[in-house]
All heavy atoms as atom14 arrays in JSON, in Angstrom:
{
  "sequence": "ESARLLTDPATTDLDGELLITGEGALVHALDRGR",
  "atom14_mask": [
    [1, 1, 1, 1, 1, 1, 1, 1, 1, 0, 0, 0, 0, 0],
    [1, 1, 1, 1, 1, 1, 0, 0, 0, 0, 0, 0, 0, 0],
    [1, 1, 1, 1, 1, 0, 0, 0, 0, 0, 0, 0, 0, 0],
    [1, 1, 1, 1, 1, 1, 1, 1, 1, 1, 1, 0, 0, 0],
    [1, 1, 1, 1, 1, 1, 1, 1, 0, 0, 0, 0, 0, 0],
    [1, 1, 1, 1, 1, 1, 1, 1, 0, 0, 0, 0, 0, 0],
    [1, 1, 1, 1, 1, 1, 1, 0, 0, 0, 0, 0, 0, 0],
    [1, 1, 1, 1, 1, 1, 1, 1, 0, 0, 0, 0, 0, 0],
    [1, 1, 1, 1, 1, 1, 1, 0, 0, 0, 0, 0, 0, 0],
    [1, 1, 1, 1, 1, 0, 0, 0, 0, 0, 0, 0, 0, 0],
    [1, 1, 1, 1, 1, 1, 1, 0, 0, 0, 0, 0, 0, 0],
    [1, 1, 1, 1, 1, 1, 1, 0, 0, 0, 0, 0, 0, 0],
    [1, 1, 1, 1, 1, 1, 1, 1, 0, 0, 0, 0, 0, 0],
    [1, 1, 1, 1, 1, 1, 1, 1, 0, 0, 0, 0, 0, 0],
    [1, 1, 1, 1, 1, 1, 1, 1, 0, 0, 0, 0, 0, 0],
    [1, 1, 1, 1, 0, 0, 0, 0, 0, 0, 0, 0, 0, 0],
    [1, 1, 1, 1, 1, 1, 1, 1, 1, 0, 0, 0, 0, 0],
    [1, 1, 1, 1, 1, 1, 1, 1, 0, 0, 0, 0, 0, 0],
    [1, 1, 1, 1, 1, 1, 1, 1, 0, 0, 0, 0, 0, 0],
    [1, 1, 1, 1, 1, 1, 1, 1, 0, 0, 0, 0, 0, 0],
    [1, 1, 1, 1, 1, 1, 1, 0, 0, 0, 0, 0, 0, 0],
    [1, 1, 1, 1, 0, 0, 0, 0, 0, 0, 0, 0, 0, 0],
    [1, 1, 1, 1, 1, 1, 1, 1, 1, 0, 0, 0, 0, 0],
    [1, 1, 1, 1, 0, 0, 0, 0, 0, 0, 0, 0, 0, 0],
    [1, 1, 1, 1, 1, 0, 0, 0, 0, 0, 0, 0, 0, 0],
    [1, 1, 1, 1, 1, 1, 1, 1, 0, 0, 0, 0, 0, 0],
    [1, 1, 1, 1, 1, 1, 1, 0, 0, 0, 0, 0, 0, 0],
    [1, 1, 1, 1, 1, 1, 1, 1, 1, 1, 0, 0, 0, 0],
    [1, 1, 1, 1, 1, 0, 0, 0, 0, 0, 0, 0, 0, 0],
    [1, 1, 1, 1, 1, 1, 1, 1, 0, 0, 0, 0, 0, 0],
    [1, 1, 1, 1, 1, 1, 1, 1, 0, 0, 0, 0, 0, 0],
    [1, 1, 1, 1, 1, 1, 1, 1, 1, 1, 1, 0, 0, 0],
    [1, 1, 1, 1, 0, 0, 0, 0, 0, 0, 0, 0, 0, 0],
    [1, 1, 1, 1, 1, 1, 1, 1, 1, 1, 1, 0, 0, 0]
  ],
  "atom14_positions": [
    [[4.77, -30.58, 14.24], [4.01, -30.42, 12.96], [4.97, -30.28, 11.79], [6.11, -29.94, 11.92], [3.14, -29.1, 13.02], [2.05, -29.2, 14.13], [1.14, -27.99, 14.03], [1.29, -27.15, 13.1], [0.28, -27.79, 14.92], [0.0, 0.0, 0.0], [0.0, 0.0, 0.0], [0.0, 0.0, 0.0], [0.0, 0.0, 0.0], [0.0, 0.0, 0.0]],
    [[4.44, -30.64, 10.61], [5.24, -30.49, 9.37], [5.21, -29.06, 8.94], [4.22, -28.31, 9.19], [4.65, -31.4, 8.21], [4.81, -32.76, 8.56], [0.0, 0.0, 0.0], [0.0, 0.0, 0.0], [0.0, 0.0, 0.0], [0.0, 0.0, 0.0], [0.0, 0.0, 0.0], [0.0, 0.0, 0.0], [0.0, 0.0, 0.0], [0.0, 0.0, 0.0]],
    [[6.27, -28.61, 8.28], [6.32, -27.22, 7.76], [5.31, -27.07, 6.64], [5.11, -27.94, 5.79], [7.69, -26.92, 7.32], [0.0, 0.0, 0.0], [0.0, 0.0, 0.0], [0.0, 0.0, 0.0], [0.0, 0.0, 0.0], [0.0, 0.0, 0.0], [0.0, 0.0, 0.0], [0.0, 0.0, 0.0], [0.0, 0.0, 0.0], [0.0, 0.0, 0.0]],
    [[4.77, -25.9, 6.53], [3.9, -25.56, 5.45], [4.58, -24.65, 4.45], [5.35, -23.73, 4.82], [2.68, -24.7, 5.95], [1.76, -25.52, 6.88], [0.51, -24.67, 7.21], [0.84, -23.52, 8.08], [0.63, -22.27, 7.66], [0.2, -21.97, 6.48], [0.91, -21.27, 8.54], [0.0, 0.0, 0.0], [0.0, 0.0, 0.0], [0.0, 0.0, 0.0]],
    [[4.42, -24.93, 3.13], [5.02, -24.19, 2.08], [4.11, -22.98, 1.82], [2.91, -23.1, 1.5], [5.17, -25.04, 0.81], [5.69, -24.38, -0.42], [7.1, -23.82, -0.19], [5.64, -25.32, -1.63], [0.0, 0.0, 0.0], [0.0, 0.0, 0.0], [0.0, 0.0, 0.0], [0.0, 0.0, 0.0], [0.0, 0.0, 0.0], [0.0, 0.0, 0.0]],
    [[4.72, -21.77, 1.84], [3.93, -20.58, 1.64], [4.02, -19.92, 0.28], [3.35, -18.97, -0.02], [4.25, -19.58, 2.77], [4.08, -19.95, 4.16], [4.49, -18.91, 5.1], [2.6, -20.31, 4.46], [0.0, 0.0, 0.0], [0.0, 0.0, 0.0], [0.0, 0.0, 0.0], [0.0, 0.0, 0.0], [0.0, 0.0, 0.0], [0.0, 0.0, 0.0]],
    [[5.0, -20.42, -0.51], [5.2, -19.81, -1.82], [5.06, -20.79, -2.92], [5.1, -22.02, -2.65], [6.6, -19.16, -1.92], [7.52, -20.11, -1.42], [6.7, -17.9, -1.0], [0.0, 0.0, 0.0], [0.0, 0.0, 0.0], [0.0, 0.0, 0.0], [0.0, 0.0, 0.0], [0.0, 0.0, 0.0], [0.0, 0.0, 0.0], [0.0, 0.0, 0.0]],
    [[4.99, -20.36, -4.16], [4.77, -21.26, -5.38], [6.13, -21.49, -6.0], [6.68, -20.56, -6.63], [3.71, -20.55, -6.29], [3.49, -21.44, -7.49], [4.01, -22.57, -7.57], [2.75, -20.98, -8.42], [0.0, 0.0, 0.0], [0.0, 0.0, 0.0], [0.0, 0.0, 0.0], [0.0, 0.0, 0.0], [0.0, 0.0, 0.0], [0.0, 0.0, 0.0]],
    [[6.64, -22.75, -5.98], [7.89, -23.0, -6.57], [7.98, -22.71, -8.05], [9.02, -22.48, -8.65], [8.13, -24.51, -6.27], [7.31, -24.74, -5.08], [6.07, -23.91, -5.26], [0.0, 0.0, 0.0], [0.0, 0.0, 0.0], [0.0, 0.0, 0.0], [0.0, 0.0, 0.0], [0.0, 0.0, 0.0], [0.0, 0.0, 0.0], [0.0, 0.0, 0.0]],
    [[6.82, -22.77, -8.74], [6.8, -22.58, -10.18], [7.14, -21.15, -10.57], [7.71, -20.91, -11.64], [5.42, -22.99, -10.75], [0.0, 0.0, 0.0], [0.0, 0.0, 0.0], [0.0, 0.0, 0.0], [0.0, 0.0, 0.0], [0.0, 0.0, 0.0], [0.0, 0.0, 0.0], [0.0, 0.0, 0.0], [0.0, 0.0, 0.0], [0.0, 0.0, 0.0]],
    [[6.86, -20.21, -9.63], [7.03, -18.76, -9.96], [7.93, -18.02, -9.07], [8.37, -16.89, -9.34], [5.69, -18.1, -10.03], [5.04, -18.21, -8.74], [4.81, -18.71, -11.13], [0.0, 0.0, 0.0], [0.0, 0.0, 0.0], [0.0, 0.0, 0.0], [0.0, 0.0, 0.0], [0.0, 0.0, 0.0], [0.0, 0.0, 0.0], [0.0, 0.0, 0.0]],
    [[8.29, -18.58, -7.91], [8.99, -17.85, -6.88], [10.45, -18.3, -6.77], [10.74, -19.53, -6.77], [8.26, -18.04, -5.48], [6.98, -17.71, -5.56], [9.01, -17.21, -4.42], [0.0, 0.0, 0.0], [0.0, 0.0, 0.0], [0.0, 0.0, 0.0], [0.0, 0.0, 0.0], [0.0, 0.0, 0.0], [0.0, 0.0, 0.0], [0.0, 0.0, 0.0]],
    [[11.32, -17.34, -6.64], [12.77, -17.63, -6.42], [13.28, -16.58, -5.45], [13.49, -15.46, -5.74], [13.47, -17.51, -7.81], [15.01, -17.82, -7.66], [15.39, -18.24, -6.55], [15.65, -17.61, -8.63], [0.0, 0.0, 0.0], [0.0, 0.0, 0.0], [0.0, 0.0, 0.0], [0.0, 0.0, 0.0], [0.0, 0.0, 0.0], [0.0, 0.0, 0.0]],
    [[13.48, -16.99, -4.18], [13.92, -16.09, -3.14], [15.43, -16.24, -3.03], [16.08, -17.22, -3.46], [13.33, -16.5, -1.75], [11.79, -16.6, -1.72], [11.35, -16.97, -0.35], [11.18, -15.25, -2.17], [0.0, 0.0, 0.0], [0.0, 0.0, 0.0], [0.0, 0.0, 0.0], [0.0, 0.0, 0.0], [0.0, 0.0, 0.0], [0.0, 0.0, 0.0]],
    [[16.05, -15.15, -2.4], [17.55, -15.16, -2.32], [18.07, -15.63, -1.0], [19.23, -15.65, -0.72], [18.07, -13.75, -2.59], [17.83, -12.79, -1.53], [17.08, -13.1, -0.52], [18.3, -11.59, -1.6], [0.0, 0.0, 0.0], [0.0, 0.0, 0.0], [0.0, 0.0, 0.0], [0.0, 0.0, 0.0], [0.0, 0.0, 0.0], [0.0, 0.0, 0.0]],
    [[17.18, -16.07, -0.06], [17.65, -16.59, 1.19], [17.58, -15.65, 2.37], [17.66, -16.04, 3.55], [0.0, 0.0, 0.0], [0.0, 0.0, 0.0], [0.0, 0.0, 0.0], [0.0, 0.0, 0.0], [0.0, 0.0, 0.0], [0.0, 0.0, 0.0], [0.0, 0.0, 0.0], [0.0, 0.0, 0.0], [0.0, 0.0, 0.0], [0.0, 0.0, 0.0]],
    [[17.42, -14.35, 2.09], [17.3, -13.39, 3.22], [15.86, -13.55, 3.82], [14.91, -13.74, 3.19], [17.43, -11.93, 2.64], [18.9, -11.65, 2.24], [19.79, -11.51, 3.41], [19.4, -10.99, 4.44], [20.94, -12.09, 3.25], [0.0, 0.0, 0.0], [0.0, 0.0, 0.0], [0.0, 0.0, 0.0], [0.0, 0.0, 0.0], [0.0, 0.0, 0.0]],
    [[15.81, -13.35, 5.17], [14.57, -13.6, 5.84], [14.49, -12.68, 7.13], [15.47, -12.64, 7.86], [14.41, -15.03, 6.26], [13.25, -15.45, 7.05], [11.95, -15.15, 6.32], [13.32, -16.95, 7.47], [0.0, 0.0, 0.0], [0.0, 0.0, 0.0], [0.0, 0.0, 0.0], [0.0, 0.0, 0.0], [0.0, 0.0, 0.0], [0.0, 0.0, 0.0]],
    [[13.41, -12.02, 7.23], [13.15, -11.16, 8.49], [11.73, -11.32, 8.89], [10.81, -11.21, 8.02], [13.49, -9.7, 8.27], [13.33, -8.73, 9.43], [14.5, -9.04, 10.39], [13.44, -7.29, 8.91], [0.0, 0.0, 0.0], [0.0, 0.0, 0.0], [0.0, 0.0, 0.0], [0.0, 0.0, 0.0], [0.0, 0.0, 0.0], [0.0, 0.0, 0.0]],
    [[11.45, -11.62, 10.15], [10.11, -11.85, 10.63], [9.65, -10.56, 11.41], [10.37, -10.03, 12.28], [10.06, -13.07, 11.57], [10.59, -14.31, 10.79], [8.61, -13.3, 12.02], [9.9, -14.57, 9.49], [0.0, 0.0, 0.0], [0.0, 0.0, 0.0], [0.0, 0.0, 0.0], [0.0, 0.0, 0.0], [0.0, 0.0, 0.0], [0.0, 0.0, 0.0]],
    [[8.45, -10.13, 11.11], [7.78, -9.01, 11.8], [6.44, -9.49, 12.25], [6.04, -10.67, 12.03], [7.56, -7.81, 10.87], [6.54, -8.17, 9.89], [8.91, -7.47, 10.1], [0.0, 0.0, 0.0], [0.0, 0.0, 0.0], [0.0, 0.0, 0.0], [0.0, 0.0, 0.0], [0.0, 0.0, 0.0], [0.0, 0.0, 0.0], [0.0, 0.0, 0.0]],
    [[5.7, -8.61, 12.96], [4.39, -9.0, 13.43], [3.41, -9.31, 12.34], [2.31, -9.9, 12.57], [0.0, 0.0, 0.0], [0.0, 0.0, 0.0], [0.0, 0.0, 0.0], [0.0, 0.0, 0.0], [0.0, 0.0, 0.0], [0.0, 0.0, 0.0], [0.0, 0.0, 0.0], [0.0, 0.0, 0.0], [0.0, 0.0, 0.0], [0.0, 0.0, 0.0]],
    [[3.69, -8.9, 11.11], [2.77, -9.09, 10.0], [3.2, -10.23, 9.06], [2.56, -10.38, 8.01], [2.6, -7.77, 9.2], [2.1, -6.62, 10.04], [2.01, -5.37, 9.17], [3.03, -4.73, 9.05], [0.93, -5.0, 8.7], [0.0, 0.0, 0.0], [0.0, 0.0, 0.0], [0.0, 0.0, 0.0], [0.0, 0.0, 0.0], [0.0, 0.0, 0.0]],
    [[4.3, -10.91, 9.36], [4.73, -11.96, 8.49], [6.17, -11.88, 8.24], [6.95, -11.33, 8.94], [0.0, 0.0, 0.0], [0.0, 0.0, 0.0], [0.0, 0.0, 0.0], [0.0, 0.0, 0.0], [0.0, 0.0, 0.0], [0.0, 0.0, 0.0], [0.0, 0.0, 0.0], [0.0, 0.0, 0.0], [0.0, 0.0, 0.0], [0.0, 0.0, 0.0]],
    [[6.57, -12.43, 7.13], [8.0, -12.53, 6.71], [8.29, -11.51, 5.61], [7.53, -11.36, 4.67], [8.28, -13.97, 6.15], [0.0, 0.0, 0.0], [0.0, 0.0, 0.0], [0.0, 0.0, 0.0], [0.0, 0.0, 0.0], [0.0, 0.0, 0.0], [0.0, 0.0, 0.0], [0.0, 0.0, 0.0], [0.0, 0.0, 0.0], [0.0, 0.0, 0.0]],
    [[9.44, -10.91, 5.79], [9.98, -10.02, 4.7], [11.09, -10.81, 3.98], [12.01, -11.33, 4.61], [10.63, -8.73, 5.28], [9.57, -7.73, 5.92], [10.36, -6.55, 6.56], [8.58, -7.27, 4.93], [0.0, 0.0, 0.0], [0.0, 0.0, 0.0], [0.0, 0.0, 0.0], [0.0, 0.0, 0.0], [0.0, 0.0, 0.0], [0.0, 0.0, 0.0]],
    [[10.88, -11.02, 2.72], [11.75, -11.78, 1.9], [12.16, -11.01, 0.59], [11.47, -10.08, 0.16], [11.21, -13.16, 1.51], [10.92, -13.96, 2.76], [9.89, -12.95, 0.7], [0.0, 0.0, 0.0], [0.0, 0.0, 0.0], [0.0, 0.0, 0.0], [0.0, 0.0, 0.0], [0.0, 0.0, 0.0], [0.0, 0.0, 0.0], [0.0, 0.0, 0.0]],
    [[13.19, -11.48, -0.07], [13.71, -10.88, -1.3], [13.38, -11.87, -2.43], [13.81, -13.05, -2.41], [15.19, -10.63, -1.29], [15.59, -9.76, -0.14], [16.9, -9.6, 0.29], [14.9, -8.95, 0.69], [16.97, -8.73, 1.28], [15.78, -8.35, 1.58], [0.0, 0.0, 0.0], [0.0, 0.0, 0.0], [0.0, 0.0, 0.0], [0.0, 0.0, 0.0]],
    [[12.72, -11.41, -3.45], [12.39, -12.29, -4.59], [13.05, -11.81, -5.92], [12.94, -10.63, -6.26], [10.86, -12.28, -4.81], [0.0, 0.0, 0.0], [0.0, 0.0, 0.0], [0.0, 0.0, 0.0], [0.0, 0.0, 0.0], [0.0, 0.0, 0.0], [0.0, 0.0, 0.0], [0.0, 0.0, 0.0], [0.0, 0.0, 0.0], [0.0, 0.0, 0.0]],
    [[13.73, -12.73, -6.55], [14.33, -12.47, -7.85], [13.18, -12.41, -8.94], [12.29, -13.22, -9.02], [15.28, -13.5, -8.31], [16.67, -13.51, -7.58], [16.6, -13.83, -6.15], [17.66, -14.49, -8.29], [0.0, 0.0, 0.0], [0.0, 0.0, 0.0], [0.0, 0.0, 0.0], [0.0, 0.0, 0.0], [0.0, 0.0, 0.0], [0.0, 0.0, 0.0]],
    [[13.31, -11.34, -9.83], [12.24, -11.14, -10.82], [12.82, -10.45, -11.98], [13.03, -9.21, -12.05], [11.08, -10.43, -10.23], [9.9, -10.26, -11.23], [9.93, -10.89, -12.27], [9.01, -9.43, -10.88], [0.0, 0.0, 0.0], [0.0, 0.0, 0.0], [0.0, 0.0, 0.0], [0.0, 0.0, 0.0], [0.0, 0.0, 0.0], [0.0, 0.0, 0.0]],
    [[13.17, -11.18, -13.06], [13.53, -10.64, -14.34], [14.73, -9.56, -14.16], [14.53, -8.47, -14.65], [12.35, -10.02, -15.04], [11.4, -11.05, -15.5], [10.17, -10.42, -16.13], [10.49, -9.79, -17.37], [10.6, -10.28, -18.57], [10.36, -11.57, -18.77], [10.89, -9.53, -19.65], [0.0, 0.0, 0.0], [0.0, 0.0, 0.0], [0.0, 0.0, 0.0]],
    [[15.78, -9.91, -13.5], [16.88, -9.01, -13.35], [16.77, -8.06, -12.2], [17.61, -7.18, -11.96], [0.0, 0.0, 0.0], [0.0, 0.0, 0.0], [0.0, 0.0, 0.0], [0.0, 0.0, 0.0], [0.0, 0.0, 0.0], [0.0, 0.0, 0.0], [0.0, 0.0, 0.0], [0.0, 0.0, 0.0], [0.0, 0.0, 0.0], [0.0, 0.0, 0.0]],
    [[15.64, -8.14, -11.42], [15.44, -7.3, -10.27], [15.37, -8.23, -9.04], [15.15, -9.41, -9.13], [14.13, -6.52, -10.31], [14.14, -5.32, -11.24], [13.71, -5.69, -12.68], [13.59, -4.52, -13.53], [13.5, -4.56, -14.84], [13.61, -5.76, -15.44], [13.35, -3.49, -15.55], [0.0, 0.0, 0.0], [0.0, 0.0, 0.0], [0.0, 0.0, 0.0]]
  ]
}
C-alpha cells in the first residue's frame, strides 16, 4: 500500500523524532520558537 500523509504540510513542521505507542505517534512540532 502507499503511505498516507497524516499531517498538513501548510502548517506542520516536525523535527524528525518519532515514537509509536498504542494510541498513535508521539512527535515534536516546531511552533513559533517552541
